Amino acid sequence: MKSTTLAFCQIEYASPEYDDSLRLRYRILRAPLGLDYTEEQIIEEWDSYHFGIYDQNQFLKACLTFKAIDEHTLKMRQVVVDQDVQGQGLGKILVSQAEHWALNQGFKNIELHARDTAVPFYLSMDYIAEGAPFVEVGIAHQKMEKHISQQLKKYKKKDEK
């Protein structure tokens, strides 16, 4: 990533920043598939956790959403990096920061449905493929998961050395 000041932050539902995330997600993930958001889909996100990375000019460059499945597990959804900064490591920063947040909140597991083109990215971040690929929103996906509580143990061992 170029020498740019970046800020990871939690985004409040129904805020102007949330609207930024909807626009970015729509432009990168949904418009190419001919999909729009329904009012119901947006309303369903009220109890989700939203995160973003802003650049020094206050432009949202990446975002993701977590939905709690149960008290131990989050589902990561709608992970997106703006096209002008893709391939520069911002996705790894975003996911890593969100995982740290999840650990601090007491969650132990993260699962997601990765587009087939994103599977190598998640594998590089220690996610594990589960089951057979499947089609969702008209494209191939793979269920993946990560036990982030195991990640915490790795960090503690590194700190003890």
Protein backbone atom coordinates (compact mmCIF):
# COMPACT_ATOMS: atom_id res chain seq x y z
CA MET A 1 0.00 0.00 0.00
CA LYS A 2 1.26 3.47 -0.80
CA SER A 3 2.27 5.67 2.13
CA THR A 4 -1.24 6.70 3.04
CA THR A 5 -2.83 7.33 6.40
CA LEU A 6 -5.63 4.80 6.89
CA ALA A 7 -8.22 4.61 9.64
CA PHE A 8 -10.06 1.40 10.59
CA CYS A 9 -13.36 2.14 12.28
CA GLN A 10 -16.66 0.64 13.26
CA ILE A 11 -19.53 2.03 11.22
CA GLU A 12 -22.87 2.74 12.82
CA TYR A 13 -25.94 1.39 11.05
CA ALA A 14 -28.03 4.05 9.24
CA SER A 15 -25.23 6.65 9.51
CA PRO A 16 -23.69 8.58 6.60
CA GLU A 17 -20.73 6.16 6.84
CA TYR A 18 -23.13 3.22 6.52
CA ASP A 19 -24.50 4.85 3.37
CA ASP A 20 -20.88 5.06 2.10
CA SER A 21 -20.53 1.31 2.71
CA LEU A 22 -23.76 0.53 0.87
CA ARG A 23 -22.57 2.53 -2.15
CA LEU A 24 -19.14 0.83 -2.17
CA ARG A 25 -20.64 -2.65 -1.75
CA TYR A 26 -23.18 -1.96 -4.47
CA ARG A 27 -20.59 -0.65 -6.94
CA ILE A 28 -18.08 -3.48 -6.48
CA LEU A 29 -20.19 -6.51 -5.52
CA ARG A 30 -23.75 -6.07 -6.68
CA ALA A 31 -23.90 -3.87 -9.79
CA PRO A 32 -21.67 -6.24 -11.83
CA LEU A 33 -24.21 -9.02 -11.09
CA GLY A 34 -27.21 -6.82 -11.87
CA LEU A 35 -28.31 -6.93 -8.23
CA ASP A 36 -29.66 -4.08 -6.14
CA TYR A 37 -30.38 -3.89 -2.42
CA THR A 38 -33.96 -4.32 -1.31
CA GLU A 39 -35.28 -2.28 1.58
CA GLU A 40 -35.67 -5.55 3.52
CA GLN A 41 -31.99 -6.48 3.02
CA ILE A 42 -30.89 -3.11 4.35
CA ILE A 43 -33.25 -3.31 7.34
CA GLU A 44 -31.91 -6.80 8.14
CA GLU A 45 -28.46 -5.28 8.73
CA TRP A 46 -29.54 -3.22 11.74
CA ASP A 47 -28.08 -5.75 14.20
CA SER A 48 -24.89 -6.43 12.23
CA TYR A 49 -21.44 -5.01 12.92
CA HIS A 50 -20.07 -2.84 10.13
CA PHE A 51 -16.42 -1.85 9.65
CA GLY A 52 -14.52 0.26 7.20
CA ILE A 53 -11.17 1.68 6.32
CA TYR A 54 -11.02 5.34 5.34
CA ASP A 55 -8.11 7.09 3.66
CA GLN A 56 -6.65 10.46 4.69
CA ASN A 57 -9.25 12.23 2.51
CA GLN A 58 -12.13 10.55 4.36
CA PHE A 59 -12.99 8.27 1.44
CA LEU A 60 -14.15 4.76 2.31
CA LYS A 61 -11.73 2.33 0.66
CA ALA A 62 -12.80 -1.02 2.14
CA CYS A 63 -15.56 -2.41 4.30
CA LEU A 64 -17.11 -5.58 5.67
CA THR A 65 -20.04 -6.68 7.78
CA PHE A 66 -20.30 -9.24 10.58
CA LYS A 67 -23.58 -10.89 11.55
CA ALA A 68 -23.67 -12.83 14.82
CA ILE A 69 -24.80 -16.41 14.28
CA ASP A 70 -24.57 -17.26 17.96
CA GLU A 71 -22.59 -16.09 20.99
CA HIS A 72 -19.36 -17.62 19.63
CA THR A 73 -19.62 -17.25 15.84
CA LEU A 74 -19.79 -14.40 13.38
CA LYS A 75 -20.57 -14.59 9.69
CA MET A 76 -18.41 -12.25 7.62
CA ARG A 77 -20.31 -10.73 4.71
CA GLN A 78 -19.98 -8.18 1.95
CA VAL A 79 -16.19 -7.80 2.11
CA VAL A 80 -15.12 -5.23 -0.46
CA VAL A 81 -12.07 -3.18 -1.40
CA ASP A 82 -12.39 -0.23 -3.76
CA GLN A 83 -11.01 -0.96 -7.22
CA ASP A 84 -8.38 1.79 -7.08
CA VAL A 85 -6.61 0.11 -4.12
CA GLN A 86 -7.19 -3.59 -4.82
CA GLY A 87 -4.07 -5.73 -4.68
CA GLN A 88 -2.28 -3.41 -2.24
CA GLY A 89 -2.95 -5.34 0.99
CA LEU A 90 -5.92 -3.33 2.20
CA GLY A 91 -8.19 -6.39 2.30
CA LYS A 92 -5.77 -8.17 4.63
CA ILE A 93 -5.61 -5.12 6.89
CA LEU A 94 -9.40 -4.88 6.97
CA VAL A 95 -9.99 -8.56 7.73
CA SER A 96 -7.18 -8.70 10.28
CA GLN A 97 -8.45 -5.64 12.15
CA ALA A 98 -12.00 -7.02 12.12
CA GLU A 99 -10.75 -10.36 13.47
CA HIS A 100 -8.99 -8.56 16.33
CA TRP A 101 -12.22 -6.71 17.11
CA ALA A 102 -14.11 -10.02 17.13
CA LEU A 103 -11.56 -11.60 19.50
CA ASN A 104 -11.85 -8.64 21.85
CA GLN A 105 -15.63 -9.06 21.84
CA GLY A 106 -15.32 -12.73 22.86
CA PHE A 107 -16.17 -14.36 19.54
CA LYS A 108 -14.28 -17.56 18.73
CA ASN A 109 -15.18 -18.37 15.13
CA ILE A 110 -15.76 -16.61 11.84
CA GLU A 111 -17.44 -18.19 8.86
CA LEU A 112 -18.11 -16.81 5.40
CA HIS A 113 -19.17 -17.66 1.87
CA ALA A 114 -16.25 -16.68 -0.38
CA ARG A 115 -16.66 -16.04 -4.07
CA ASP A 116 -14.48 -18.54 -5.94
CA THR A 117 -12.12 -15.72 -6.94
CA ALA A 118 -11.61 -14.77 -3.27
CA VAL A 119 -10.85 -18.28 -1.95
CA PRO A 120 -7.04 -17.89 -2.35
CA PHE A 121 -7.20 -14.63 -0.37
CA TYR A 122 -8.98 -16.30 2.56
CA LEU A 123 -6.72 -19.35 2.42
CA SER A 124 -3.75 -16.97 2.76
CA MET A 125 -5.37 -15.65 5.94
CA ASP A 126 -5.71 -19.15 7.48
CA TYR A 127 -9.38 -19.71 6.65
CA ILE A 128 -10.31 -23.32 5.92
CA ALA A 129 -12.64 -24.44 3.11
CA GLU A 130 -15.61 -26.47 4.31
CA GLY A 131 -17.70 -28.74 2.09
CA ALA A 132 -18.22 -28.54 -1.63
CA PRO A 133 -18.44 -25.32 -3.66
CA PHE A 134 -21.97 -24.06 -4.31
CA VAL A 135 -23.72 -21.38 -6.32
CA GLU A 136 -25.00 -18.25 -4.59
CA VAL A 137 -26.29 -15.13 -6.39
CA GLY A 138 -25.43 -16.86 -9.65
CA ILE A 139 -21.70 -17.39 -8.99
CA ALA A 140 -19.54 -20.11 -7.40
CA HIS A 141 -18.86 -19.77 -3.67
CA GLN A 142 -17.04 -21.77 -1.01
CA LYS A 143 -17.99 -21.93 2.67
CA MET A 144 -14.93 -21.10 4.77
CA GLU A 145 -14.23 -20.73 8.45
CA LYS A 146 -11.56 -19.73 10.90
CA HIS A 147 -11.25 -20.44 14.61
CA ILE A 148 -9.95 -17.06 15.75
CA SER A 149 -9.64 -18.22 19.35
CA GLN A 150 -6.80 -20.46 18.10
CA GLN A 151 -5.27 -17.35 16.56
CA LEU A 152 -5.25 -15.70 19.99
CA LYS A 153 -3.26 -18.61 21.38
CA LYS A 154 -0.68 -18.14 18.61
CA TYR A 155 -0.33 -14.44 19.49
CA LYS A 156 0.15 -15.24 23.19
CA LYS A 157 2.89 -17.78 22.39
CA LYS A 158 4.68 -15.21 20.20
CA ASP A 159 4.46 -12.61 23.01
CA GLU A 160 5.94 -15.08 25.53
CA LYS A 161 9.06 -15.59 23.40
